[in-house]
C-alpha atoms as a PDB file:
ATOM      1  CA  MET A   1     -17.603  19.948   9.743  1.00  0.00           C
ATOM      2  CA  ASN A   2     -17.814  22.263   6.753  1.00  0.00           C
ATOM      3  CA  ASP A   3     -14.018  21.594   6.015  1.00  0.00           C
ATOM      4  CA  ILE A   4     -14.822  17.824   6.116  1.00  0.00           C
ATOM      5  CA  PHE A   5     -17.587  18.075   3.518  1.00  0.00           C
ATOM      6  CA  GLN A   6     -15.440  20.275   1.336  1.00  0.00           C
ATOM      7  CA  TYR A   7     -12.814  17.447   1.313  1.00  0.00           C
ATOM      8  CA  ILE A   8     -15.470  14.849   0.456  1.00  0.00           C
ATOM      9  CA  TYR A   9     -16.867  17.083  -2.277  1.00  0.00           C
ATOM     10  CA  PHE A  10     -13.432  17.596  -3.807  1.00  0.00           C
ATOM     11  CA  ILE A  11     -12.589  13.848  -3.575  1.00  0.00           C
ATOM     12  CA  PHE A  12     -15.709  12.769  -5.445  1.00  0.00           C
ATOM     13  CA  LEU A  13     -15.496  15.556  -7.994  1.00  0.00           C
ATOM     14  CA  LEU A  14     -11.767  14.605  -8.777  1.00  0.00           C
ATOM     15  CA  LEU A  15     -12.745  10.869  -9.013  1.00  0.00           C
ATOM     16  CA  ILE A  16     -15.657  11.618 -11.429  1.00  0.00           C
ATOM     17  CA  SER A  17     -13.295  13.575 -13.632  1.00  0.00           C
ATOM     18  CA  VAL A  18     -10.723  10.765 -13.545  1.00  0.00           C
ATOM     19  CA  SER A  19     -13.406   8.126 -14.266  1.00  0.00           C
ATOM     20  CA  LEU A  20     -14.637  10.064 -17.315  1.00  0.00           C
ATOM     21  CA  LEU A  21     -11.056  10.472 -18.594  1.00  0.00           C
ATOM     22  CA  VAL A  22     -10.301   6.645 -18.171  1.00  0.00           C
ATOM     23  CA  SER A  23     -13.613   5.876 -19.861  1.00  0.00           C
ATOM     24  CA  LEU A  24     -12.626   8.021 -22.864  1.00  0.00           C
ATOM     25  CA  ILE A  25      -9.155   6.302 -22.957  1.00  0.00           C
ATOM     26  CA  THR A  26     -10.767   2.932 -22.816  1.00  0.00           C
ATOM     27  CA  PHE A  27     -13.339   3.734 -25.534  1.00  0.00           C
ATOM     28  CA  TYR A  28     -10.699   5.014 -28.013  1.00  0.00           C
ATOM     29  CA  GLN A  29      -8.383   2.101 -27.221  1.00  0.00           C
ATOM     30  CA  LYS A  30     -11.125  -0.408 -27.893  1.00  0.00           C
ATOM     31  CA  ARG A  31     -12.041   1.362 -31.054  1.00  0.00           C
ATOM     32  CA  LYS A  32      -8.514   1.539 -32.183  1.00  0.00           C
ATOM     33  CA  ASN A  33      -7.539  -2.047 -31.413  1.00  0.00           C
ATOM     34  CA  HIS A  34     -10.724  -3.886 -32.275  1.00  0.00           C
ATOM     35  CA  GLY A  35     -12.143  -4.203 -28.922  1.00  0.00           C
ATOM     36  CA  ILE A  36      -8.812  -4.753 -27.071  1.00  0.00           C
ATOM     37  CA  ASN A  37      -7.998  -2.386 -24.203  1.00  0.00           C
ATOM     38  CA  LYS A  38      -4.410  -2.059 -23.545  1.00  0.00           C
ATOM     39  CA  TYR A  39      -4.913   0.070 -20.491  1.00  0.00           C
ATOM     40  CA  ASP A  40      -7.046  -2.380 -18.318  1.00  0.00           C
ATOM     41  CA  GLU A  41      -4.784  -1.536 -15.384  1.00  0.00           C
ATOM     42  CA  LEU A  42      -6.333   2.071 -15.452  1.00  0.00           C
ATOM     43  CA  VAL A  43      -9.805   0.706 -15.214  1.00  0.00           C
ATOM     44  CA  ILE A  44      -8.858  -1.596 -12.274  1.00  0.00           C
ATOM     45  CA  ARG A  45      -7.091   1.170 -10.412  1.00  0.00           C
ATOM     46  CA  THR A  46     -10.007   3.577 -10.841  1.00  0.00           C
ATOM     47  CA  ARG A  47     -12.312   1.124  -9.169  1.00  0.00           C
ATOM     48  CA  LEU A  48      -9.809   0.729  -6.375  1.00  0.00           C
ATOM     49  CA  TRP A  49      -9.735   4.532  -5.951  1.00  0.00           C
ATOM     50  CA  TRP A  50     -13.568   4.643  -5.580  1.00  0.00           C
ATOM     51  CA  GLY A  51     -13.388   1.962  -2.948  1.00  0.00           C
ATOM     52  CA  MET A  52     -10.721   3.828  -1.037  1.00  0.00           C
ATOM     53  CA  ALA A  53     -12.579   7.145  -1.405  1.00  0.00           C
ATOM     54  CA  VAL A  54     -15.795   5.692   0.024  1.00  0.00           C
ATOM     55  CA  ILE A  55     -13.977   4.162   3.001  1.00  0.00           C
ATOM     56  CA  PHE A  56     -11.983   7.427   3.739  1.00  0.00           C
ATOM     57  CA  CYS A  57     -15.089   9.583   3.484  1.00  0.00           C
ATOM     58  CA  LEU A  58     -17.033   7.301   5.810  1.00  0.00           C
ATOM     59  CA  SER A  59     -14.209   7.442   8.152  1.00  0.00           C
ATOM     60  CA  ILE A  60     -13.757  11.211   8.352  1.00  0.00           C
ATOM     61  CA  ALA A  61     -17.493  11.875   8.339  1.00  0.00           C
ATOM     62  CA  PHE A  62     -18.499   9.355  10.914  1.00  0.00           C
ATOM     63  CA  HIS A  63     -15.779   7.395  12.883  1.00  0.00           C
ATOM     64  CA  PRO A  64     -12.111   6.614  12.180  1.00  0.00           C
ATOM     65  CA  ASN A  65     -12.727   3.057  13.269  1.00  0.00           C
ATOM     66  CA  VAL A  66     -14.381   2.497   9.886  1.00  0.00           C
ATOM     67  CA  SER A  67     -10.939   2.863   8.130  1.00  0.00           C
ATOM     68  CA  LEU A  68      -9.342   0.751  10.840  1.00  0.00           C
ATOM     69  CA  ILE A  69     -11.602  -2.204  10.242  1.00  0.00           C
ATOM     70  CA  SER A  70     -11.398  -1.795   6.464  1.00  0.00           C
ATOM     71  CA  LEU A  71      -7.635  -1.738   6.571  1.00  0.00           C
ATOM     72  CA  MET A  72      -7.658  -4.902   8.788  1.00  0.00           C
ATOM     73  CA  ILE A  73      -9.770  -6.748   6.227  1.00  0.00           C
ATOM     74  CA  LEU A  74      -7.524  -5.532   3.438  1.00  0.00           C
ATOM     75  CA  CYS A  75      -4.447  -6.914   5.268  1.00  0.00           C
ATOM     76  CA  PHE A  76      -6.189 -10.115   5.880  1.00  0.00           C
ATOM     77  CA  MET A  77      -7.078 -10.519   2.202  1.00  0.00           C
ATOM     78  CA  ALA A  78      -3.634  -9.523   1.027  1.00  0.00           C
ATOM     79  CA  LEU A  79      -1.905 -12.002   3.349  1.00  0.00           C
ATOM     80  CA  LYS A  80      -4.446 -14.680   2.330  1.00  0.00           C
ATOM     81  CA  GLU A  81      -3.577 -14.065  -1.367  1.00  0.00           C
ATOM     82  CA  TYR A  82       0.103 -14.044  -0.502  1.00  0.00           C
ATOM     83  CA  PHE A  83      -0.044 -17.465   1.111  1.00  0.00           C
ATOM     84  CA  SER A  84      -2.203 -18.825  -1.694  1.00  0.00           C
ATOM     85  CA  MET A  85       0.616 -18.150  -4.309  1.00  0.00           C
ATOM     86  CA  MET A  86       2.962 -20.553  -2.512  1.00  0.00           C
ATOM     87  CA  ASP A  87       3.308 -24.267  -2.645  1.00  0.00           C
ATOM     88  CA  THR A  88       2.703 -25.189   0.923  1.00  0.00           C
ATOM     89  CA  ARG A  89       2.456 -28.336   3.125  1.00  0.00           C
ATOM     90  CA  LYS A  90       0.257 -29.097   6.109  1.00  0.00           C
ATOM     91  CA  GLN A  91       2.951 -28.027   8.437  1.00  0.00           C
ATOM     92  CA  ASP A  92       3.118 -24.641   6.752  1.00  0.00           C
ATOM     93  CA  ARG A  93      -0.570 -24.040   6.991  1.00  0.00           C
ATOM     94  CA  ARG A  94      -0.517 -24.394  10.807  1.00  0.00           C
ATOM     95  CA  ILE A  95       1.880 -21.422  11.081  1.00  0.00           C
ATOM     96  CA  PHE A  96      -0.261 -19.396   8.805  1.00  0.00           C
ATOM     97  CA  ILE A  97      -3.121 -19.599  11.303  1.00  0.00           C
ATOM     98  CA  TRP A  98      -0.815 -17.883  13.910  1.00  0.00           C
ATOM     99  CA  ALA A  99       0.051 -15.225  11.221  1.00  0.00           C
ATOM    100  CA  TYR A 100      -3.723 -14.538  10.747  1.00  0.00           C
ATOM    101  CA  LEU A 101      -4.188 -14.258  14.471  1.00  0.00           C
ATOM    102  CA  ALA A 102      -1.499 -11.603  14.613  1.00  0.00           C
ATOM    103  CA  ILE A 103      -3.508  -9.261  12.429  1.00  0.00           C
ATOM    104  CA  PRO A 104      -6.367  -8.373  14.872  1.00  0.00           C
ATOM    105  CA  LEU A 105      -3.833  -8.033  17.673  1.00  0.00           C
ATOM    106  CA  ASN A 106      -1.753  -5.630  15.533  1.00  0.00           C
ATOM    107  CA  PHE A 107      -4.783  -3.474  14.814  1.00  0.00           C
ATOM    108  CA  TYR A 108      -5.837  -3.603  18.523  1.00  0.00           C
ATOM    109  CA  TRP A 109      -2.645  -1.843  19.473  1.00  0.00           C
ATOM    110  CA  ILE A 110      -3.491   0.845  16.902  1.00  0.00           C
ATOM    111  CA  TYR A 111      -7.103   1.064  18.236  1.00  0.00           C
ATOM    112  CA  ILE A 112      -5.954   1.733  21.785  1.00  0.00           C
ATOM    113  CA  GLY A 113      -3.134   4.067  20.666  1.00  0.00           C
ATOM    114  CA  TRP A 114      -0.281   1.995  21.985  1.00  0.00           C
ATOM    115  CA  TYR A 115       2.335   3.031  19.410  1.00  0.00           C
ATOM    116  CA  GLY A 116       5.200   1.358  21.332  1.00  0.00           C
ATOM    117  CA  MET A 117       3.670  -2.122  21.139  1.00  0.00           C
ATOM    118  CA  PHE A 118       2.541  -1.652  17.585  1.00  0.00           C
ATOM    119  CA  ILE A 119       5.962  -0.728  16.338  1.00  0.00           C
ATOM    120  CA  VAL A 120       7.673  -3.917  17.940  1.00  0.00           C
ATOM    121  CA  PHE A 121       4.848  -6.495  17.859  1.00  0.00           C
ATOM    122  CA  ILE A 122       5.328  -8.012  14.382  1.00  0.00           C
ATOM    123  CA  PRO A 123       9.053  -7.080  13.834  1.00  0.00           C
ATOM    124  CA  ILE A 124      10.121  -8.563  17.269  1.00  0.00           C
ATOM    125  CA  TYR A 125       7.450 -10.494  19.173  1.00  0.00           C
ATOM    126  CA  VAL A 126       5.872 -12.291  16.206  1.00  0.00           C
ATOM    127  CA  PHE A 127       9.241 -12.819  14.677  1.00  0.00           C
ATOM    128  CA  LEU A 128      10.499 -14.681  17.807  1.00  0.00           C
ATOM    129  CA  PHE A 129       7.228 -16.556  18.304  1.00  0.00           C
ATOM    130  CA  LEU A 130       6.687 -17.932  14.680  1.00  0.00           C
ATOM    131  CA  PRO A 131       9.866 -20.219  14.733  1.00  0.00           C
ATOM    132  CA  LEU A 132       8.704 -21.800  18.094  1.00  0.00           C
ATOM    133  CA  ALA A 133       5.064 -22.416  16.720  1.00  0.00           C
ATOM    134  CA  ARG A 134       6.605 -24.050  13.570  1.00  0.00           C
ATOM    135  CA  ILE A 135       9.084 -26.346  15.431  1.00  0.00           C
ATOM    136  CA  PHE A 136       6.693 -27.687  18.101  1.00  0.00           C
ATOM    137  CA  ARG A 137       3.827 -28.331  15.557  1.00  0.00           C
ATOM    138  CA  GLY A 138       5.651 -28.965  12.300  1.00  0.00           C
ATOM    139  CA  GLY A 139       9.118 -30.231  13.069  1.00  0.00           C
ATOM    140  CA  SER A 140      12.258 -29.079  11.283  1.00  0.00           C
ATOM    141  CA  ILE A 141      11.695 -30.098   7.693  1.00  0.00           C
ATOM    142  CA  GLY A 142      11.196 -26.862   5.481  1.00  0.00           C
ATOM    143  CA  PHE A 143      11.596 -24.703   8.716  1.00  0.00           C
ATOM    144  CA  LEU A 144      13.567 -21.835   7.286  1.00  0.00           C
ATOM    145  CA  LYS A 145      11.300 -21.441   4.169  1.00  0.00           C
ATOM    146  CA  SER A 146       8.120 -21.680   6.155  1.00  0.00           C
ATOM    147  CA  VAL A 147       9.096 -19.193   8.876  1.00  0.00           C
ATOM    148  CA  SER A 148      10.818 -16.711   6.597  1.00  0.00           C
ATOM    149  CA  VAL A 149       8.154 -16.421   3.979  1.00  0.00           C
ATOM    150  CA  THR A 150       5.483 -16.069   6.769  1.00  0.00           C
ATOM    151  CA  GLN A 151       7.405 -13.314   8.473  1.00  0.00           C
ATOM    152  CA  TRP A 152       7.921 -11.557   5.100  1.00  0.00           C
ATOM    153  CA  GLY A 153       4.234 -11.674   4.399  1.00  0.00           C
ATOM    154  CA  LEU A 154       3.411 -10.185   7.764  1.00  0.00           C
ATOM    155  CA  MET A 155       5.965  -7.470   7.459  1.00  0.00           C
ATOM    156  CA  LEU A 156       4.827  -6.406   3.854  1.00  0.00           C
ATOM    157  CA  MET A 157       1.114  -7.139   3.852  1.00  0.00           C
ATOM    158  CA  VAL A 158       0.218  -6.408   7.429  1.00  0.00           C
ATOM    159  CA  PHE A 159       2.871  -4.273   9.239  1.00  0.00           C
ATOM    160  CA  GLY A 160       3.571  -2.004   6.276  1.00  0.00           C
ATOM    161  CA  ILE A 161       0.042  -1.412   5.190  1.00  0.00           C
ATOM    162  CA  SER A 162      -1.272  -1.070   8.722  1.00  0.00           C
ATOM    163  CA  HIS A 163       0.810   2.284   9.167  1.00  0.00           C
ATOM    164  CA  LEU A 164      -2.068   3.834   7.137  1.00  0.00           C
ATOM    165  CA  ALA A 165      -4.303   3.298  10.257  1.00  0.00           C
ATOM    166  CA  LEU A 166      -1.852   5.139  12.563  1.00  0.00           C
ATOM    167  CA  PHE A 167      -2.546   8.539  10.853  1.00  0.00           C
ATOM    168  CA  ALA A 168      -6.050   8.743  12.379  1.00  0.00           C
ATOM    169  CA  LYS A 169      -4.503   7.993  15.866  1.00  0.00           C
ATOM    170  CA  MET A 170      -1.979  10.852  15.509  1.00  0.00           C
ATOM    171  CA  PRO A 171      -3.549  12.881  18.230  1.00  0.00           C
ATOM    172  CA  GLU A 172      -2.980  10.099  20.736  1.00  0.00           C
ATOM    173  CA  ILE A 173       0.558   9.310  19.778  1.00  0.00           C
ATOM    174  CA  THR A 174       1.867  12.689  18.730  1.00  0.00           C
ATOM    175  CA  ARG A 175       5.407  13.688  20.095  1.00  0.00           C
ATOM    176  CA  HIS A 176       4.874  17.403  19.530  1.00  0.00           C
ATOM    177  CA  ASP A 177       1.652  19.430  18.893  1.00  0.00           C
ATOM    178  CA  VAL A 178      -1.691  17.762  19.634  1.00  0.00           C
ATOM    179  CA  THR A 179      -3.525  20.672  17.730  1.00  0.00           C
ATOM    180  CA  ILE A 180      -1.607  20.007  14.424  1.00  0.00           C
ATOM    181  CA  ALA A 181      -1.995  16.181  14.894  1.00  0.00           C
ATOM    182  CA  THR A 182      -5.796  16.562  15.333  1.00  0.00           C
ATOM    183  CA  GLN A 183      -6.110  18.890  12.366  1.00  0.00           C
ATOM    184  CA  TYR A 184      -3.895  17.096   9.878  1.00  0.00           C
ATOM    185  CA  GLY A 185      -3.348  13.553  11.205  1.00  0.00           C
ATOM    186  CA  ALA A 186      -6.151  11.690   9.270  1.00  0.00           C
ATOM    187  CA  LEU A 187      -5.740  13.931   6.275  1.00  0.00           C
ATOM    188  CA  MET A 188      -2.166  12.673   5.737  1.00  0.00           C
ATOM    189  CA  VAL A 189      -3.762   9.509   4.229  1.00  0.00           C
ATOM    190  CA  LEU A 190      -5.500  11.703   1.707  1.00  0.00           C
ATOM    191  CA  TYR A 191      -2.075  13.018   0.839  1.00  0.00           C
ATOM    192  CA  LEU A 192      -0.113   9.696   0.740  1.00  0.00           C
ATOM    193  CA  VAL A 193      -2.484   7.391  -1.088  1.00  0.00           C
ATOM    194  CA  PRO A 194      -3.141   9.616  -4.079  1.00  0.00           C
ATOM    195  CA  LEU A 195       0.586  10.417  -4.486  1.00  0.00           C
ATOM    196  CA  THR A 196       1.475   6.616  -4.287  1.00  0.00           C
ATOM    197  CA  GLN A 197      -1.305   5.833  -6.949  1.00  0.00           C
ATOM    198  CA  VAL A 198      -0.368   8.776  -9.248  1.00  0.00           C
ATOM    199  CA  ASN A 199       3.335   7.486  -9.122  1.00  0.00           C
ATOM    200  CA  ASP A 200       2.142   4.001 -10.061  1.00  0.00           C
ATOM    201  CA  VAL A 201      -0.097   5.120 -12.928  1.00  0.00           C
ATOM    202  CA  VAL A 202       2.379   7.569 -14.362  1.00  0.00           C
ATOM    203  CA  HIS A 203       5.074   4.925 -14.317  1.00  0.00           C
ATOM    204  CA  TYR A 204       2.673   2.401 -15.940  1.00  0.00           C
ATOM    205  CA  MET A 205       1.446   4.817 -18.596  1.00  0.00           C
ATOM    206  CA  VAL A 206       5.005   6.210 -19.582  1.00  0.00           C
ATOM    207  CA  SER A 207       6.551   2.641 -19.495  1.00  0.00           C
ATOM    208  CA  LYS A 208       3.705   1.359 -21.659  1.00  0.00           C
ATOM    209  CA  LYS A 209       4.043   4.183 -24.240  1.00  0.00           C
ATOM    210  CA  PHE A 210       7.570   5.382 -24.228  1.00  0.00           C
ATOM    211  CA  GLY A 211       9.574   2.948 -21.953  1.00  0.00           C
ATOM    212  CA  ARG A 212      12.674   1.575 -23.595  1.00  0.00           C
ATOM    213  CA  ARG A 213      15.185   0.806 -20.816  1.00  0.00           C
ATOM    214  CA  LYS A 214      13.955  -1.915 -18.589  1.00  0.00           C
ATOM    215  CA  VAL A 215      14.801  -1.821 -14.852  1.00  0.00           C
ATOM    216  CA  LEU A 216      14.714  -5.599 -14.221  1.00  0.00           C
ATOM    217  CA  THR A 217      13.321  -7.641 -17.070  1.00  0.00           C
ATOM    218  CA  ALA A 218      13.310 -10.935 -15.126  1.00  0.00           C
ATOM    219  CA  ALA A 219      11.251  -9.544 -12.266  1.00  0.00           C
ATOM    220  CA  ASN A 220       8.828  -7.115 -13.936  1.00  0.00           C
ATOM    221  CA  PRO A 221       9.117  -6.175 -17.657  1.00  0.00           C
ATOM    222  CA  ASN A 222       6.684  -3.390 -17.150  1.00  0.00           C
ATOM    223  CA  LEU A 223       9.038  -1.325 -15.051  1.00  0.00           C
ATOM    224  CA  THR A 224      11.349   1.040 -17.000  1.00  0.00           C
ATOM    225  CA  TRP A 225      13.738   3.865 -16.114  1.00  0.00           C
ATOM    226  CA  GLU A 226      11.662   6.361 -18.167  1.00  0.00           C
ATOM    227  CA  GLY A 227       8.522   5.474 -16.189  1.00  0.00           C
ATOM    228  CA  PHE A 228      10.460   5.744 -12.935  1.00  0.00           C
ATOM    229  CA  VAL A 229      11.840   9.208 -13.645  1.00  0.00           C
ATOM    230  CA  CYS A 230       8.431  10.479 -14.933  1.00  0.00           C
ATOM    231  CA  GLY A 231       6.575   8.877 -11.998  1.00  0.00           C
ATOM    232  CA  VAL A 232       8.786  10.613  -9.427  1.00  0.00           C
ATOM    233  CA  ILE A 233       8.541  13.972 -11.127  1.00  0.00           C
ATOM    234  CA  ALA A 234       4.703  13.634 -11.268  1.00  0.00           C
ATOM    235  CA  THR A 235       4.639  12.738  -7.653  1.00  0.00           C
ATOM    236  CA  ILE A 236       6.775  15.700  -6.608  1.00  0.00           C
ATOM    237  CA  LEU A 237       4.572  18.131  -8.675  1.00  0.00           C
ATOM    238  CA  LEU A 238       1.395  16.760  -7.179  1.00  0.00           C
ATOM    239  CA  SER A 239       2.869  16.929  -3.761  1.00  0.00           C
ATOM    240  CA  ILE A 240       3.711  20.639  -4.239  1.00  0.00           C
ATOM    241  CA  VAL A 241       0.172  21.272  -5.439  1.00  0.00           C
ATOM    242  CA  ILE A 242      -1.885  19.493  -2.719  1.00  0.00           C
ATOM    243  CA  ALA A 243       0.409  19.835   0.303  1.00  0.00           C
ATOM    244  CA  PRO A 244      -0.561  23.422   1.251  1.00  0.00           C
ATOM    245  CA  TYR A 245      -4.186  22.444   1.447  1.00  0.00           C
ATOM    246  CA  ILE A 246      -4.266  19.200   3.542  1.00  0.00           C
ATOM    247  CA  THR A 247      -0.848  19.129   5.323  1.00  0.00           C
ATOM    248  CA  PRO A 248       1.300  21.386   7.490  1.00  0.00           C
ATOM    249  CA  MET A 249       4.248  20.880   5.148  1.00  0.00           C
ATOM    250  CA  SER A 250       6.603  23.674   3.907  1.00  0.00           C
ATOM    251  CA  LEU A 251       7.446  23.770   0.247  1.00  0.00           C
ATOM    252  CA  GLY A 252      10.797  22.199   0.741  1.00  0.00           C
ATOM    253  CA  PHE A 253       9.355  19.376   2.898  1.00  0.00           C
ATOM    254  CA  SER A 254       6.624  18.717   0.353  1.00  0.00           C
ATOM    255  CA  ILE A 255       9.325  18.335  -2.343  1.00  0.00           C
ATOM    256  CA  VAL A 256      11.215  15.912  -0.240  1.00  0.00           C
ATOM    257  CA  SER A 257       8.061  13.939   0.653  1.00  0.00           C
ATOM    258  CA  GLY A 258       7.065  13.668  -2.993  1.00  0.00           C
ATOM    259  CA  LEU A 259      10.533  12.488  -3.864  1.00  0.00           C
ATOM    260  CA  ILE A 260      10.581   9.904  -0.999  1.00  0.00           C
ATOM    261  CA  ILE A 261       7.039   8.592  -1.993  1.00  0.00           C
ATOM    262  CA  GLY A 262       8.007   8.284  -5.612  1.00  0.00           C
ATOM    263  CA  VAL A 263      11.197   6.366  -4.961  1.00  0.00           C
ATOM    264  CA  THR A 264       9.907   4.081  -2.256  1.00  0.00           C
ATOM    265  CA  GLY A 265       6.683   3.355  -4.226  1.00  0.00           C
ATOM    266  CA  PHE A 266       8.885   2.091  -7.052  1.00  0.00           C
ATOM    267  CA  PHE A 267      10.902   0.038  -4.535  1.00  0.00           C
ATOM    268  CA  GLY A 268       7.783  -1.497  -3.268  1.00  0.00           C
ATOM    269  CA  THR A 269       6.588  -2.522  -6.605  1.00  0.00           C
ATOM    270  CA  LEU A 270       9.981  -3.928  -7.531  1.00  0.00           C
ATOM    271  CA  VAL A 271      10.392  -5.925  -4.359  1.00  0.00           C
ATOM    272  CA  VAL A 272       6.959  -7.497  -4.530  1.00  0.00           C
ATOM    273  CA  SER A 273       7.529  -8.359  -8.244  1.00  0.00           C
ATOM    274  CA  VAL A 274      10.754 -10.159  -7.354  1.00  0.00           C
ATOM    275  CA  LEU A 275       9.127 -11.941  -4.502  1.00  0.00           C
ATOM    276  CA  LYS A 276       6.317 -13.149  -6.672  1.00  0.00           C
ATOM    277  CA  ARG A 277       8.661 -14.571  -9.228  1.00  0.00           C
ATOM    278  CA  ASN A 278      11.170 -16.100  -6.893  1.00  0.00           C
ATOM    279  CA  PHE A 279       9.118 -17.491  -4.003  1.00  0.00           C
ATOM    280  CA  PHE A 280       5.723 -17.831  -5.475  1.00  0.00           C
ATOM    281  CA  PHE A 281       6.579 -19.500  -8.796  1.00  0.00           C
ATOM    282  CA  ARG A 282       5.165 -22.960  -8.640  1.00  0.00           C
ATOM    283  CA  GLU A 283       7.634 -25.827  -8.948  1.00  0.00           C
ATOM    284  CA  ASN A 284       5.722 -27.509 -11.766  1.00  0.00           C
ATOM    285  CA  GLY A 285       6.326 -24.471 -13.953  1.00  0.00           C
ATOM    286  CA  GLY A 286       2.842 -23.071 -13.780  1.00  0.00           C
ATOM    287  CA  LYS A 287       2.160 -19.325 -13.799  1.00  0.00           C
ATOM    288  CA  VAL A 288       1.692 -17.316 -10.699  1.00  0.00           C
ATOM    289  CA  ALA A 289      -1.924 -16.829  -9.745  1.00  0.00           C
ATOM    290  CA  GLU A 290      -3.536 -13.509 -10.746  1.00  0.00           C
ATOM    291  CA  SER A 291      -3.404 -10.923  -7.896  1.00  0.00           C
ATOM    292  CA  LYS A 292      -6.548  -9.010  -6.879  1.00  0.00           C
ATOM    293  CA  PHE A 293      -5.017  -7.275  -3.944  1.00  0.00           C
ATOM    294  CA  ILE A 294      -1.188  -7.477  -3.819  1.00  0.00           C
ATOM    295  CA  ASN A 295      -0.687  -5.818  -7.138  1.00  0.00           C
ATOM    296  CA  LYS A 296      -2.776  -2.781  -6.036  1.00  0.00           C
ATOM    297  CA  ILE A 297      -1.018  -2.178  -2.717  1.00  0.00           C
ATOM    298  CA  ASP A 298       2.566  -3.309  -3.500  1.00  0.00           C
ATOM    299  CA  SER A 299       3.868   0.204  -3.649  1.00  0.00           C
ATOM    300  CA  LEU A 300       2.012   1.178  -0.400  1.00  0.00           C
ATOM    301  CA  THR A 301       3.874  -1.556   1.432  1.00  0.00           C
ATOM    302  CA  TYR A 302       6.886   0.668   1.250  1.00  0.00           C
ATOM    303  CA  THR A 303       5.473   4.230   1.134  1.00  0.00           C
ATOM    304  CA  ALA A 304       3.189   3.827   4.002  1.00  0.00           C
ATOM    305  CA  PRO A 305       5.765   3.001   6.703  1.00  0.00           C
ATOM    306  CA  VAL A 306       8.502   5.249   5.284  1.00  0.00           C
ATOM    307  CA  PHE A 307       6.253   8.209   4.961  1.00  0.00           C
ATOM    308  CA  PHE A 308       4.601   7.808   8.356  1.00  0.00           C
ATOM    309  CA  HIS A 309       7.846   7.767  10.207  1.00  0.00           C
ATOM    310  CA  LEU A 310       9.136  10.745   8.109  1.00  0.00           C
ATOM    311  CA  VAL A 311       6.253  12.956   9.160  1.00  0.00           C
ATOM    312  CA  TYR A 312       5.908  11.462  12.695  1.00  0.00           C
ATOM    313  CA  TYR A 313       9.421  12.375  13.648  1.00  0.00           C
ATOM    314  CA  TYR A 314       9.584  15.738  11.802  1.00  0.00           C
ATOM    315  CA  ILE A 315       6.093  17.066  12.052  1.00  0.00           C
ATOM    316  CA  PHE A 316       3.947  15.299  14.479  1.00  0.00           C
END
């Protein structure tokens, strides 16, 4: 219990320091640019970090189901936002209901520790069921678009993100050492999420200030190669610093993990950016709706599943 409160103390001390730093940056930016803050993304992400920290601390201090329910709600809101960005018809909305119903089932498999069902439920069973639900209730017009974008949404916004909830269940699904899984399983979230967020923030800051070479202008003009390289380096360095305290990783494994999180986080941001501009752009030429959830978890859609399976097969 003492170790738990030490983690909570460290988390909030770090967040207070980050919040003060962001407040100073915001203050000087507004003063320099006549009330305009060019780093609004930092303010938004800081609020997100506070929310994540509160949920995580409640989870480790009281019961892991707190984070399970919170993540289920997050997946629901992200999927809802995903669907709201598309031009849909009545037939499409019917299949969306089945997609929403898949969320509590997906998290139920996690709750009972049935890893085998979780890992195949959305990729296989829901994938096979959605076309049938669409055909019998909505006919064949627009069939491919409706089914494919629904499955894409479930894979990214639900299946990918829900891997975060599996870390707390590691003692039940471990393949190797129950003791290590019990000691470090839930803490791996405390390792993964900060690394993913640091990668995003460093990429954003460097691209904003020094970025010259755009990665894919048509998809996301804010992504640059300079930001990508600096983000990956910062992620590796942070991994080396915090891994010895909250993970059982060796130095070499922490370097590899930091590299993988940095690269996959970039891929997640890039893929979601492309999706938003190809599938979600309204036919009448209007702009894509502002995102409250998807933009904040886009990188986690890739880092969460990839990192989970990395440590699950090599550590746990």
